[in-house]
């Protein structure tokens, strides 16, 4: 992935902070980007901040397959450039999760938590 951004100075991440897998993927990508020690602008489009589009009632608004070119342009209005402080907050969350080394993580109120593997039993 990192070789794909070599000549770019901006990265946009499409994510959902209420879906554990999406959230963890975003944290991991931020971690990878910061290990490059490169000046790069990072922004996110978080599906939790995008209203469901009436035109696609059976599809999440951020699903690129559903929205088409005009929909993508509309979604860019929800793009948030991440300030260094916010990136550092996300990286601290990632570092803490890595330290915990838990086999199961869940997302509760837009926060990832490590839980016991019997949590859902």
C-alpha atoms as a PDB file:
ATOM      1  CA  UNK A   1       0.000   0.000   0.000  1.00  0.00           C
ATOM      2  CA  UNK A   2       2.695   2.482   0.940  1.00  0.00           C
ATOM      3  CA  UNK A   3       4.297   2.440  -2.498  1.00  0.00           C
ATOM      4  CA  UNK A   4       0.931   3.578  -3.939  1.00  0.00           C
ATOM      5  CA  UNK A   5       1.135   6.882  -2.060  1.00  0.00           C
ATOM      6  CA  UNK A   6       4.798   7.585  -2.688  1.00  0.00           C
ATOM      7  CA  UNK A   7       4.181  10.527  -5.035  1.00  0.00           C
ATOM      8  CA  UNK A   8       1.122  11.874  -3.253  1.00  0.00           C
ATOM      9  CA  UNK A   9       0.865  14.468  -0.523  1.00  0.00           C
ATOM     10  CA  UNK A  10      -2.721  13.723   0.500  1.00  0.00           C
ATOM     11  CA  UNK A  11      -4.523  10.577   1.641  1.00  0.00           C
ATOM     12  CA  UNK A  12      -8.275  10.249   2.146  1.00  0.00           C
ATOM     13  CA  UNK A  13      -9.592   7.421   4.326  1.00  0.00           C
ATOM     14  CA  UNK A  14     -13.222   6.279   4.006  1.00  0.00           C
ATOM     15  CA  UNK A  15     -14.196   4.763   7.357  1.00  0.00           C
ATOM     16  CA  UNK A  16     -16.837   4.197   9.998  1.00  0.00           C
ATOM     17  CA  UNK A  17     -16.042   4.902  13.621  1.00  0.00           C
ATOM     18  CA  UNK A  18     -18.900   2.649  14.791  1.00  0.00           C
ATOM     19  CA  UNK A  19     -17.782  -0.453  12.918  1.00  0.00           C
ATOM     20  CA  UNK A  20     -14.948  -2.191  14.735  1.00  0.00           C
ATOM     21  CA  UNK A  21     -13.204  -3.504  11.611  1.00  0.00           C
ATOM     22  CA  UNK A  22     -13.381  -0.170   9.764  1.00  0.00           C
ATOM     23  CA  UNK A  23     -12.203   1.727  12.820  1.00  0.00           C
ATOM     24  CA  UNK A  24      -9.255  -0.611  13.416  1.00  0.00           C
ATOM     25  CA  UNK A  25      -8.337  -0.464   9.733  1.00  0.00           C
ATOM     26  CA  UNK A  26      -8.299   3.331   9.900  1.00  0.00           C
ATOM     27  CA  UNK A  27      -6.076   3.270  13.000  1.00  0.00           C
ATOM     28  CA  UNK A  28      -3.696   0.847  11.311  1.00  0.00           C
ATOM     29  CA  UNK A  29      -3.493   2.925   8.123  1.00  0.00           C
ATOM     30  CA  UNK A  30      -2.751   6.040  10.187  1.00  0.00           C
ATOM     31  CA  UNK A  31      -0.017   4.112  11.989  1.00  0.00           C
ATOM     32  CA  UNK A  32       1.500   3.009   8.659  1.00  0.00           C
ATOM     33  CA  UNK A  33       1.363   6.524   7.230  1.00  0.00           C
ATOM     34  CA  UNK A  34       3.055   8.025  10.272  1.00  0.00           C
ATOM     35  CA  UNK A  35       5.869   5.466  10.150  1.00  0.00           C
ATOM     36  CA  UNK A  36       6.827   6.910   6.761  1.00  0.00           C
ATOM     37  CA  UNK A  37       7.945  10.174   8.373  1.00  0.00           C
ATOM     38  CA  UNK A  38       6.609  12.052   5.388  1.00  0.00           C
ATOM     39  CA  UNK A  39       4.653  15.301   5.178  1.00  0.00           C
ATOM     40  CA  UNK A  40       1.260  14.090   4.115  1.00  0.00           C
ATOM     41  CA  UNK A  41      -2.209  15.540   4.595  1.00  0.00           C
ATOM     42  CA  UNK A  42      -4.616  12.979   5.990  1.00  0.00           C
ATOM     43  CA  UNK A  43      -8.360  13.340   5.895  1.00  0.00           C
ATOM     44  CA  UNK A  44     -11.256  11.014   6.645  1.00  0.00           C
ATOM     45  CA  UNK A  45     -14.844  10.640   5.607  1.00  0.00           C
ATOM     46  CA  UNK A  46     -16.614   8.975   8.518  1.00  0.00           C
ATOM     47  CA  UNK A  47     -19.867   7.257   7.545  1.00  0.00           C
ATOM     48  CA  UNK A  48     -21.381   8.110  10.927  1.00  0.00           C
ATOM     49  CA  UNK A  49     -21.407  11.775   9.889  1.00  0.00           C
ATOM     50  CA  UNK A  50     -22.992  11.136   6.472  1.00  0.00           C
ATOM     51  CA  UNK A  51     -26.781  11.062   6.240  1.00  0.00           C
ATOM     52  CA  UNK A  52     -28.355   8.102   4.472  1.00  0.00           C
ATOM     53  CA  UNK A  53     -29.253   9.118   0.934  1.00  0.00           C
ATOM     54  CA  UNK A  54     -32.945   8.626   0.071  1.00  0.00           C
ATOM     55  CA  UNK A  55     -31.912   7.618  -3.434  1.00  0.00           C
ATOM     56  CA  UNK A  56     -30.224   4.506  -2.033  1.00  0.00           C
ATOM     57  CA  UNK A  57     -32.466   3.367   0.862  1.00  0.00           C
ATOM     58  CA  UNK A  58     -30.986  -0.143   1.014  1.00  0.00           C
ATOM     59  CA  UNK A  59     -27.360   0.934   0.929  1.00  0.00           C
ATOM     60  CA  UNK A  60     -25.138   2.777   3.394  1.00  0.00           C
ATOM     61  CA  UNK A  61     -24.469   6.287   2.083  1.00  0.00           C
ATOM     62  CA  UNK A  62     -20.721   5.783   2.068  1.00  0.00           C
ATOM     63  CA  UNK A  63     -20.759   2.592  -0.013  1.00  0.00           C
ATOM     64  CA  UNK A  64     -18.952   3.659  -3.186  1.00  0.00           C
ATOM     65  CA  UNK A  65     -20.725   1.053  -5.343  1.00  0.00           C
ATOM     66  CA  UNK A  66     -24.066   2.652  -4.630  1.00  0.00           C
ATOM     67  CA  UNK A  67     -23.408   6.361  -4.835  1.00  0.00           C
ATOM     68  CA  UNK A  68     -21.691   6.848  -8.197  1.00  0.00           C
ATOM     69  CA  UNK A  69     -19.685   9.910  -9.279  1.00  0.00           C
ATOM     70  CA  UNK A  70     -22.155  12.559  -8.092  1.00  0.00           C
ATOM     71  CA  UNK A  71     -22.581  10.783  -4.781  1.00  0.00           C
ATOM     72  CA  UNK A  72     -18.837  10.696  -4.227  1.00  0.00           C
ATOM     73  CA  UNK A  73     -18.650  14.433  -4.889  1.00  0.00           C
ATOM     74  CA  UNK A  74     -21.434  14.958  -2.337  1.00  0.00           C
ATOM     75  CA  UNK A  75     -19.633  12.769   0.200  1.00  0.00           C
ATOM     76  CA  UNK A  76     -16.493  14.878  -0.106  1.00  0.00           C
ATOM     77  CA  UNK A  77     -18.470  17.624   1.643  1.00  0.00           C
ATOM     78  CA  UNK A  78     -18.175  15.484   4.785  1.00  0.00           C
ATOM     79  CA  UNK A  79     -14.415  15.116   4.513  1.00  0.00           C
ATOM     80  CA  UNK A  80     -12.500  16.156   7.625  1.00  0.00           C
ATOM     81  CA  UNK A  81      -8.832  17.064   7.479  1.00  0.00           C
ATOM     82  CA  UNK A  82      -7.152  15.544  10.506  1.00  0.00           C
ATOM     83  CA  UNK A  83      -5.061  17.903  12.583  1.00  0.00           C
ATOM     84  CA  UNK A  84      -1.821  16.573  14.045  1.00  0.00           C
ATOM     85  CA  UNK A  85      -3.405  16.492  17.509  1.00  0.00           C
ATOM     86  CA  UNK A  86      -6.279  14.273  16.298  1.00  0.00           C
ATOM     87  CA  UNK A  87      -3.865  11.972  14.453  1.00  0.00           C
ATOM     88  CA  UNK A  88      -1.805  11.668  17.640  1.00  0.00           C
ATOM     89  CA  UNK A  89      -4.972  10.772  19.586  1.00  0.00           C
ATOM     90  CA  UNK A  90      -5.754   8.013  17.090  1.00  0.00           C
ATOM     91  CA  UNK A  91      -2.153   6.777  17.199  1.00  0.00           C
ATOM     92  CA  UNK A  92      -2.266   6.637  21.011  1.00  0.00           C
ATOM     93  CA  UNK A  93      -5.421   4.510  20.785  1.00  0.00           C
ATOM     94  CA  UNK A  94      -3.657   2.201  18.315  1.00  0.00           C
ATOM     95  CA  UNK A  95      -0.546   1.918  20.499  1.00  0.00           C
ATOM     96  CA  UNK A  96      -2.653   1.068  23.548  1.00  0.00           C
ATOM     97  CA  UNK A  97      -4.560  -1.625  21.641  1.00  0.00           C
ATOM     98  CA  UNK A  98      -1.311  -3.132  20.392  1.00  0.00           C
ATOM     99  CA  UNK A  99       0.044  -3.216  23.969  1.00  0.00           C
ATOM    100  CA  UNK A 100      -3.104  -4.967  25.203  1.00  0.00           C
ATOM    101  CA  UNK A 101      -2.713  -7.608  22.486  1.00  0.00           C
ATOM    102  CA  UNK A 102      -6.268  -8.823  23.021  1.00  0.00           C
ATOM    103  CA  UNK A 103      -7.786 -11.530  20.851  1.00  0.00           C
ATOM    104  CA  UNK A 104     -11.146  -9.714  20.722  1.00  0.00           C
ATOM    105  CA  UNK A 105     -11.994  -6.055  20.345  1.00  0.00           C
ATOM    106  CA  UNK A 106     -15.351  -4.350  20.045  1.00  0.00           C
ATOM    107  CA  UNK A 107     -16.507  -0.850  19.236  1.00  0.00           C
ATOM    108  CA  UNK A 108     -18.731   0.779  21.871  1.00  0.00           C
ATOM    109  CA  UNK A 109     -19.801   4.416  21.532  1.00  0.00           C
ATOM    110  CA  UNK A 110     -17.162   4.948  18.814  1.00  0.00           C
ATOM    111  CA  UNK A 111     -14.395   3.638  21.086  1.00  0.00           C
ATOM    112  CA  UNK A 112     -12.554   0.376  20.540  1.00  0.00           C
ATOM    113  CA  UNK A 113     -12.210  -1.762  23.639  1.00  0.00           C
ATOM    114  CA  UNK A 114     -10.368  -4.988  24.269  1.00  0.00           C
ATOM    115  CA  UNK A 115     -12.680  -7.563  25.804  1.00  0.00           C
ATOM    116  CA  UNK A 116     -12.445 -11.108  27.118  1.00  0.00           C
ATOM    117  CA  UNK A 117     -12.915 -13.716  24.394  1.00  0.00           C
ATOM    118  CA  UNK A 118     -16.041 -14.961  26.191  1.00  0.00           C
ATOM    119  CA  UNK A 119     -17.637 -11.497  25.974  1.00  0.00           C
ATOM    120  CA  UNK A 120     -20.386 -12.619  23.553  1.00  0.00           C
ATOM    121  CA  UNK A 121     -21.120 -15.928  25.318  1.00  0.00           C
END
